[in-house]
Amino acid sequence: MKVAVSACLLGENCKYSGGSNRCERLLEQLARHPEIEVVPVCPEVAGGLPTPRPPAEMVDGHVVNNQGVSVDAAYRRGVAHEMGRLRAAIDAGDLAGAVLQSRSPSCGVHQVYDGTFQGVLVPGRGLFADALSKAGVQLFDVADL
C-alpha cells in the first residue's frame, strides 16, 4: 500500500521559504506502519520552481506569486509530473491516499490563501489536491491528523 505525502512534511527543504514543514506526528504515525510505502511529492519543485522562491497564492484559479508574476504554468507542469509518477498506483488501486500540506496552492485540501497575500483563507483546494481528488484519491490535510 502506498501513500503520497507532501515532501515538506517529511522534512525535505522544498517549502517556498527554503525550509520544511516537518511533521513529527505524521512521521511517528508512518513509522508505526512499515507496510505503508511513502511516496514523497512536491509539485512546485517538480514543476521547476526553485527553493527558496517567492510565495504564491491562488487568484481566480491561477497561481501568482507575491510579485504579481504568474507561476501557474510551473505549478500545472508539476501537478502533471507528480500525477504521472502516481498514475500506475492510482490505476492499480495501490494508492491508499495522500497526506498534504495545508493551505498550499498545490496541496491545500480544505482551504487556500485568497491571492491578496494578507493571510486570508478561502474554501478551496490546491491544484495538485484537486487533481488527486478527481482521480479518486482520498485526501488528508496534515492539520487534521
N, C-alpha and C. Protein backbone atom coordinates (compact mmCIF):
# COMPACT_ATOMS: atom_id res chain seq x y z
N MET A 1 0.83 -1.17 0.00
CA MET A 1 0.00 0.00 0.00
C MET A 1 0.88 1.25 0.00
N LYS A 2 0.49 2.22 -0.80
CA LYS A 2 1.27 3.46 -0.92
C LYS A 2 0.45 4.65 -0.44
N VAL A 3 1.17 5.65 0.09
CA VAL A 3 0.56 6.91 0.48
C VAL A 3 1.46 8.03 -0.03
N ALA A 4 0.87 8.94 -0.79
CA ALA A 4 1.62 10.13 -1.24
C ALA A 4 1.64 11.12 -0.08
N VAL A 5 2.80 11.73 0.16
CA VAL A 5 2.94 12.69 1.25
C VAL A 5 3.72 13.90 0.74
N SER A 6 3.20 15.09 1.05
CA SER A 6 3.94 16.31 0.71
C SER A 6 5.34 16.20 1.27
N ALA A 7 6.34 16.35 0.41
CA ALA A 7 7.74 16.16 0.80
C ALA A 7 8.15 17.09 1.94
N CYS A 8 7.59 18.29 1.98
CA CYS A 8 7.93 19.23 3.05
C CYS A 8 7.53 18.68 4.41
N LEU A 9 6.47 17.87 4.48
CA LEU A 9 6.03 17.28 5.75
C LEU A 9 7.00 16.21 6.23
N LEU A 10 7.75 15.65 5.30
CA LEU A 10 8.74 14.62 5.64
C LEU A 10 10.08 15.23 6.03
N GLY A 11 10.16 16.56 5.97
CA GLY A 11 11.39 17.25 6.36
C GLY A 11 12.24 17.71 5.20
N GLU A 12 11.77 17.51 3.98
CA GLU A 12 12.53 17.97 2.82
C GLU A 12 12.41 19.49 2.71
N ASN A 13 13.53 20.15 2.50
CA ASN A 13 13.55 21.61 2.40
C ASN A 13 13.12 22.05 1.01
N CYS A 14 11.83 21.95 0.76
CA CYS A 14 11.28 22.32 -0.55
C CYS A 14 10.20 23.39 -0.42
N LYS A 15 9.95 23.86 0.78
CA LYS A 15 8.96 24.91 1.02
C LYS A 15 9.41 26.21 0.36
N TYR A 16 8.48 27.07 0.01
CA TYR A 16 8.81 28.32 -0.69
C TYR A 16 9.88 29.12 0.05
N SER A 17 9.91 29.06 1.38
CA SER A 17 10.87 29.82 2.18
C SER A 17 12.25 29.17 2.24
N GLY A 18 12.35 27.96 1.72
CA GLY A 18 13.61 27.23 1.75
C GLY A 18 13.68 26.21 2.87
N GLY A 19 12.70 26.22 3.75
CA GLY A 19 12.65 25.28 4.86
C GLY A 19 11.70 24.13 4.57
N SER A 20 11.24 23.52 5.65
CA SER A 20 10.29 22.41 5.53
C SER A 20 9.14 22.64 6.49
N ASN A 21 8.17 21.77 6.41
CA ASN A 21 7.05 21.73 7.35
C ASN A 21 7.08 20.39 8.08
N ARG A 22 8.27 19.92 8.40
CA ARG A 22 8.44 18.60 9.02
C ARG A 22 7.40 18.40 10.12
N CYS A 23 6.70 17.28 10.03
CA CYS A 23 5.61 16.99 10.97
C CYS A 23 5.95 15.71 11.74
N GLU A 24 6.42 15.90 12.95
CA GLU A 24 6.83 14.75 13.77
C GLU A 24 5.67 13.79 14.02
N ARG A 25 4.48 14.33 14.24
CA ARG A 25 3.32 13.47 14.49
C ARG A 25 3.07 12.55 13.29
N LEU A 26 3.13 13.10 12.09
CA LEU A 26 2.96 12.30 10.88
C LEU A 26 4.06 11.26 10.76
N LEU A 27 5.30 11.67 10.98
CA LEU A 27 6.42 10.73 10.87
C LEU A 27 6.28 9.59 11.87
N GLU A 28 5.81 9.89 13.08
CA GLU A 28 5.59 8.84 14.09
C GLU A 28 4.50 7.88 13.64
N GLN A 29 3.42 8.41 13.09
CA GLN A 29 2.33 7.55 12.62
C GLN A 29 2.79 6.66 11.46
N LEU A 30 3.55 7.23 10.55
CA LEU A 30 4.05 6.43 9.43
C LEU A 30 5.02 5.35 9.91
N ALA A 31 5.83 5.66 10.91
CA ALA A 31 6.79 4.69 11.44
C ALA A 31 6.08 3.48 12.06
N ARG A 32 4.86 3.69 12.56
CA ARG A 32 4.10 2.60 13.17
C ARG A 32 3.50 1.65 12.12
N HIS A 33 3.60 2.04 10.85
CA HIS A 33 3.01 1.24 9.77
C HIS A 33 4.04 0.98 8.68
N PRO A 34 4.99 0.06 8.94
CA PRO A 34 6.04 -0.21 7.96
C PRO A 34 5.51 -0.80 6.65
N GLU A 35 4.26 -1.25 6.65
CA GLU A 35 3.68 -1.79 5.41
C GLU A 35 3.32 -0.69 4.41
N ILE A 36 3.31 0.56 4.88
CA ILE A 36 2.97 1.68 4.00
C ILE A 36 4.23 2.19 3.30
N GLU A 37 4.16 2.26 2.00
CA GLU A 37 5.25 2.85 1.22
C GLU A 37 4.93 4.33 1.01
N VAL A 38 5.78 5.19 1.54
CA VAL A 38 5.58 6.63 1.43
C VAL A 38 6.17 7.10 0.10
N VAL A 39 5.37 7.86 -0.64
CA VAL A 39 5.82 8.44 -1.90
C VAL A 39 5.87 9.96 -1.71
N PRO A 40 7.08 10.53 -1.52
CA PRO A 40 7.17 11.99 -1.36
C PRO A 40 6.80 12.70 -2.65
N VAL A 41 6.03 13.79 -2.52
CA VAL A 41 5.61 14.57 -3.68
C VAL A 41 5.81 16.06 -3.39
N CYS A 42 6.22 16.80 -4.42
CA CYS A 42 6.31 18.25 -4.34
C CYS A 42 6.09 18.81 -5.74
N PRO A 43 4.85 19.16 -6.05
CA PRO A 43 4.57 19.68 -7.39
C PRO A 43 5.34 20.95 -7.74
N GLU A 44 5.61 21.80 -6.76
CA GLU A 44 6.34 23.04 -7.06
C GLU A 44 7.74 22.75 -7.59
N VAL A 45 8.46 21.90 -6.88
CA VAL A 45 9.81 21.54 -7.31
C VAL A 45 9.75 20.73 -8.61
N ALA A 46 8.78 19.81 -8.69
CA ALA A 46 8.63 19.01 -9.90
C ALA A 46 8.32 19.88 -11.12
N GLY A 47 7.70 21.03 -10.88
CA GLY A 47 7.39 21.95 -11.97
C GLY A 47 8.52 22.87 -12.34
N GLY A 48 9.66 22.73 -11.65
CA GLY A 48 10.84 23.51 -11.99
C GLY A 48 11.04 24.78 -11.17
N LEU A 49 10.22 24.99 -10.15
CA LEU A 49 10.40 26.18 -9.32
C LEU A 49 11.57 26.00 -8.35
N PRO A 50 12.33 27.07 -8.09
CA PRO A 50 13.47 26.96 -7.19
C PRO A 50 13.04 26.97 -5.73
N THR A 51 13.95 26.59 -4.89
CA THR A 51 13.78 26.69 -3.44
C THR A 51 14.99 27.45 -2.92
N PRO A 52 14.78 28.58 -2.23
CA PRO A 52 13.50 29.25 -1.97
C PRO A 52 12.97 29.93 -3.22
N ARG A 53 11.70 30.41 -3.10
CA ARG A 53 11.01 31.10 -4.19
C ARG A 53 10.00 32.08 -3.57
N PRO A 54 9.57 33.06 -4.31
CA PRO A 54 8.55 33.97 -3.77
C PRO A 54 7.27 33.19 -3.43
N PRO A 55 6.59 33.58 -2.36
CA PRO A 55 5.33 32.90 -2.03
C PRO A 55 4.31 33.11 -3.15
N ALA A 56 3.42 32.12 -3.29
CA ALA A 56 2.41 32.17 -4.34
C ALA A 56 1.05 31.83 -3.74
N GLU A 57 0.02 32.37 -4.35
CA GLU A 57 -1.35 32.12 -3.92
C GLU A 57 -2.25 31.98 -5.15
N MET A 58 -3.44 31.44 -4.93
CA MET A 58 -4.42 31.28 -6.00
C MET A 58 -5.16 32.60 -6.21
N VAL A 59 -5.25 33.03 -7.46
CA VAL A 59 -6.01 34.22 -7.85
C VAL A 59 -6.91 33.81 -9.01
N ASP A 60 -8.20 33.72 -8.74
CA ASP A 60 -9.18 33.33 -9.78
C ASP A 60 -8.78 32.04 -10.49
N GLY A 61 -8.33 31.05 -9.72
CA GLY A 61 -7.99 29.76 -10.29
C GLY A 61 -6.60 29.65 -10.89
N HIS A 62 -5.81 30.72 -10.82
CA HIS A 62 -4.44 30.72 -11.34
C HIS A 62 -3.48 31.01 -10.19
N VAL A 63 -2.26 30.51 -10.30
CA VAL A 63 -1.26 30.72 -9.25
C VAL A 63 -0.35 31.87 -9.66
N VAL A 64 -0.26 32.84 -8.76
CA VAL A 64 0.53 34.05 -8.98
C VAL A 64 1.40 34.27 -7.75
N ASN A 65 2.65 34.71 -7.95
CA ASN A 65 3.49 34.97 -6.79
C ASN A 65 3.27 36.39 -6.27
N ASN A 66 3.90 36.69 -5.15
CA ASN A 66 3.66 37.98 -4.49
C ASN A 66 4.29 39.16 -5.23
N GLN A 67 4.94 38.89 -6.35
CA GLN A 67 5.49 39.95 -7.20
C GLN A 67 4.58 40.19 -8.41
N GLY A 68 3.43 39.49 -8.40
CA GLY A 68 2.47 39.65 -9.49
C GLY A 68 2.78 38.83 -10.73
N VAL A 69 3.73 37.93 -10.62
CA VAL A 69 4.14 37.10 -11.76
C VAL A 69 3.38 35.78 -11.74
N SER A 70 2.79 35.42 -12.87
CA SER A 70 2.10 34.13 -12.96
C SER A 70 3.12 33.00 -12.91
N VAL A 71 2.90 32.07 -12.00
CA VAL A 71 3.71 30.85 -11.93
C VAL A 71 2.80 29.64 -12.18
N ASP A 72 1.63 29.92 -12.74
CA ASP A 72 0.63 28.91 -12.97
C ASP A 72 1.15 27.77 -13.84
N ALA A 73 1.86 28.09 -14.90
CA ALA A 73 2.36 27.05 -15.81
C ALA A 73 3.30 26.09 -15.08
N ALA A 74 4.17 26.62 -14.24
CA ALA A 74 5.09 25.77 -13.48
C ALA A 74 4.33 24.88 -12.50
N TYR A 75 3.33 25.44 -11.83
CA TYR A 75 2.52 24.65 -10.90
C TYR A 75 1.80 23.54 -11.64
N ARG A 76 1.20 23.86 -12.76
CA ARG A 76 0.45 22.85 -13.53
C ARG A 76 1.39 21.79 -14.13
N ARG A 77 2.58 22.21 -14.54
CA ARG A 77 3.58 21.25 -15.03
C ARG A 77 3.97 20.29 -13.91
N GLY A 78 4.14 20.82 -12.70
CA GLY A 78 4.48 19.99 -11.55
C GLY A 78 3.36 19.03 -11.17
N VAL A 79 2.12 19.50 -11.24
CA VAL A 79 0.98 18.63 -10.97
C VAL A 79 0.96 17.48 -11.98
N ALA A 80 1.14 17.80 -13.25
CA ALA A 80 1.14 16.76 -14.28
C ALA A 80 2.27 15.76 -14.04
N HIS A 81 3.44 16.26 -13.67
CA HIS A 81 4.58 15.37 -13.40
C HIS A 81 4.28 14.43 -12.24
N GLU A 82 3.80 14.99 -11.12
CA GLU A 82 3.55 14.15 -9.95
C GLU A 82 2.39 13.19 -10.18
N MET A 83 1.36 13.63 -10.91
CA MET A 83 0.26 12.71 -11.23
C MET A 83 0.78 11.57 -12.12
N GLY A 84 1.69 11.88 -13.02
CA GLY A 84 2.29 10.85 -13.86
C GLY A 84 3.05 9.83 -13.03
N ARG A 85 3.78 10.31 -12.03
CA ARG A 85 4.51 9.40 -11.14
C ARG A 85 3.57 8.49 -10.36
N LEU A 86 2.39 9.00 -10.03
CA LEU A 86 1.44 8.25 -9.20
C LEU A 86 0.43 7.45 -10.02
N ARG A 87 0.37 7.69 -11.33
CA ARG A 87 -0.69 7.12 -12.16
C ARG A 87 -0.82 5.61 -12.03
N ALA A 88 0.29 4.86 -12.09
CA ALA A 88 0.20 3.40 -12.03
C ALA A 88 -0.39 2.95 -10.69
N ALA A 89 0.02 3.58 -9.60
CA ALA A 89 -0.50 3.21 -8.29
C ALA A 89 -1.99 3.57 -8.17
N ILE A 90 -2.38 4.72 -8.73
CA ILE A 90 -3.79 5.12 -8.71
C ILE A 90 -4.61 4.11 -9.51
N ASP A 91 -4.16 3.81 -10.72
CA ASP A 91 -4.90 2.90 -11.60
C ASP A 91 -5.01 1.49 -11.02
N ALA A 92 -3.98 1.06 -10.30
CA ALA A 92 -3.97 -0.27 -9.70
C ALA A 92 -4.71 -0.32 -8.36
N GLY A 93 -5.12 0.84 -7.86
CA GLY A 93 -5.76 0.88 -6.54
C GLY A 93 -4.79 0.73 -5.40
N ASP A 94 -3.49 0.97 -5.67
CA ASP A 94 -2.45 0.82 -4.65
C ASP A 94 -2.17 2.10 -3.87
N LEU A 95 -2.74 3.22 -4.30
CA LEU A 95 -2.51 4.48 -3.60
C LEU A 95 -3.67 4.67 -2.62
N ALA A 96 -3.39 4.44 -1.34
CA ALA A 96 -4.44 4.48 -0.32
C ALA A 96 -4.91 5.89 -0.03
N GLY A 97 -4.07 6.88 -0.30
CA GLY A 97 -4.44 8.26 -0.03
C GLY A 97 -3.25 9.17 -0.16
N ALA A 98 -3.49 10.45 0.18
CA ALA A 98 -2.44 11.45 0.14
C ALA A 98 -2.56 12.35 1.36
N VAL A 99 -1.44 12.58 2.04
CA VAL A 99 -1.38 13.50 3.17
C VAL A 99 -0.67 14.74 2.66
N LEU A 100 -1.39 15.86 2.67
CA LEU A 100 -0.91 17.06 2.01
C LEU A 100 -0.80 18.25 2.96
N GLN A 101 0.08 19.18 2.60
CA GLN A 101 0.31 20.40 3.38
C GLN A 101 -0.88 21.34 3.27
N SER A 102 -1.32 21.82 4.39
CA SER A 102 -2.46 22.74 4.47
C SER A 102 -2.20 24.03 3.71
N ARG A 103 -3.27 24.54 3.11
CA ARG A 103 -3.35 25.91 2.57
C ARG A 103 -2.49 26.18 1.34
N SER A 104 -1.73 25.25 0.89
CA SER A 104 -0.82 25.43 -0.25
C SER A 104 -1.60 25.57 -1.55
N PRO A 105 -1.11 26.42 -2.49
CA PRO A 105 -1.77 26.50 -3.80
C PRO A 105 -1.64 25.20 -4.60
N SER A 106 -0.77 24.32 -4.17
CA SER A 106 -0.68 22.98 -4.77
C SER A 106 -1.46 21.97 -3.96
N CYS A 107 -1.22 21.95 -2.67
CA CYS A 107 -1.64 20.84 -1.83
C CYS A 107 -2.78 21.12 -0.87
N GLY A 108 -3.24 22.35 -0.78
CA GLY A 108 -4.33 22.65 0.15
C GLY A 108 -5.52 21.74 -0.07
N VAL A 109 -6.03 21.16 0.99
CA VAL A 109 -7.15 20.22 0.90
C VAL A 109 -8.48 20.92 1.17
N HIS A 110 -8.53 21.74 2.20
CA HIS A 110 -9.78 22.40 2.59
C HIS A 110 -9.81 23.88 2.24
N GLN A 111 -8.65 24.54 2.31
CA GLN A 111 -8.57 25.98 2.12
C GLN A 111 -7.29 26.34 1.38
N VAL A 112 -7.33 27.51 0.74
CA VAL A 112 -6.13 28.10 0.14
C VAL A 112 -6.16 29.59 0.46
N TYR A 113 -5.01 30.23 0.33
CA TYR A 113 -4.98 31.68 0.51
C TYR A 113 -5.64 32.34 -0.69
N ASP A 114 -6.26 33.51 -0.46
CA ASP A 114 -7.13 34.14 -1.44
C ASP A 114 -6.43 34.96 -2.52
N GLY A 115 -5.13 35.08 -2.49
CA GLY A 115 -4.41 35.81 -3.53
C GLY A 115 -4.10 37.25 -3.19
N THR A 116 -4.49 37.69 -2.00
CA THR A 116 -4.19 39.06 -1.57
C THR A 116 -2.88 39.15 -0.81
N PHE A 117 -2.32 38.01 -0.44
CA PHE A 117 -1.09 37.95 0.34
C PHE A 117 -1.24 38.67 1.68
N GLN A 118 -2.46 38.58 2.22
CA GLN A 118 -2.77 39.17 3.52
C GLN A 118 -3.13 38.10 4.55
N GLY A 119 -2.88 36.83 4.23
CA GLY A 119 -3.18 35.74 5.16
C GLY A 119 -4.65 35.35 5.20
N VAL A 120 -5.43 35.76 4.20
CA VAL A 120 -6.86 35.46 4.16
C VAL A 120 -7.08 34.09 3.50
N LEU A 121 -7.78 33.22 4.20
CA LEU A 121 -8.07 31.88 3.69
C LEU A 121 -9.49 31.83 3.13
N VAL A 122 -9.64 31.05 2.06
CA VAL A 122 -10.95 30.82 1.46
C VAL A 122 -11.11 29.32 1.23
N PRO A 123 -12.34 28.82 1.22
CA PRO A 123 -12.54 27.41 0.92
C PRO A 123 -12.01 27.08 -0.47
N GLY A 124 -11.39 25.94 -0.60
CA GLY A 124 -10.90 25.52 -1.90
C GLY A 124 -9.76 24.54 -1.78
N ARG A 125 -9.36 24.02 -2.92
CA ARG A 125 -8.25 23.06 -2.99
C ARG A 125 -7.15 23.61 -3.86
N GLY A 126 -5.93 23.19 -3.55
CA GLY A 126 -4.81 23.48 -4.41
C GLY A 126 -4.91 22.65 -5.68
N LEU A 127 -4.10 22.99 -6.67
CA LEU A 127 -4.16 22.32 -7.97
C LEU A 127 -3.87 20.83 -7.89
N PHE A 128 -2.86 20.44 -7.12
CA PHE A 128 -2.50 19.03 -7.00
C PHE A 128 -3.56 18.27 -6.21
N ALA A 129 -4.03 18.86 -5.11
CA ALA A 129 -5.08 18.21 -4.33
C ALA A 129 -6.32 18.00 -5.19
N ASP A 130 -6.65 18.97 -6.01
CA ASP A 130 -7.81 18.86 -6.88
C ASP A 130 -7.63 17.72 -7.90
N ALA A 131 -6.45 17.63 -8.48
CA ALA A 131 -6.19 16.56 -9.45
C ALA A 131 -6.27 15.18 -8.79
N LEU A 132 -5.71 15.06 -7.58
CA LEU A 132 -5.80 13.79 -6.86
C LEU A 132 -7.25 13.43 -6.55
N SER A 133 -8.00 14.42 -6.08
CA SER A 133 -9.40 14.18 -5.75
C SER A 133 -10.18 13.72 -6.98
N LYS A 134 -9.97 14.37 -8.11
CA LYS A 134 -10.66 13.98 -9.35
C LYS A 134 -10.27 12.58 -9.81
N ALA A 135 -9.07 12.12 -9.40
CA ALA A 135 -8.62 10.77 -9.73
C ALA A 135 -9.12 9.74 -8.72
N GLY A 136 -9.89 10.20 -7.72
CA GLY A 136 -10.46 9.29 -6.75
C GLY A 136 -9.58 8.99 -5.55
N VAL A 137 -8.52 9.77 -5.36
CA VAL A 137 -7.60 9.55 -4.24
C VAL A 137 -8.16 10.23 -2.99
N GLN A 138 -8.15 9.52 -1.88
CA GLN A 138 -8.60 10.09 -0.61
C GLN A 138 -7.55 11.07 -0.10
N LEU A 139 -8.00 12.28 0.25
CA LEU A 139 -7.09 13.33 0.69
C LEU A 139 -7.16 13.52 2.19
N PHE A 140 -5.99 13.79 2.78
CA PHE A 140 -5.89 14.11 4.20
C PHE A 140 -5.07 15.38 4.34
N ASP A 141 -5.62 16.35 5.02
CA ASP A 141 -4.89 17.57 5.35
C ASP A 141 -4.06 17.27 6.59
N VAL A 142 -2.79 17.59 6.57
CA VAL A 142 -1.93 17.28 7.72
C VAL A 142 -2.48 17.88 9.01
N ALA A 143 -3.16 19.01 8.93
CA ALA A 143 -3.72 19.64 10.13
C ALA A 143 -4.82 18.80 10.76
N ASP A 144 -5.39 17.86 10.00
CA ASP A 144 -6.46 17.01 10.52
C ASP A 144 -5.94 15.77 11.24
N LEU A 145 -4.64 15.55 11.22
CA LEU A 145 -4.09 14.35 11.87
C LEU A 145 -4.12 14.48 13.38
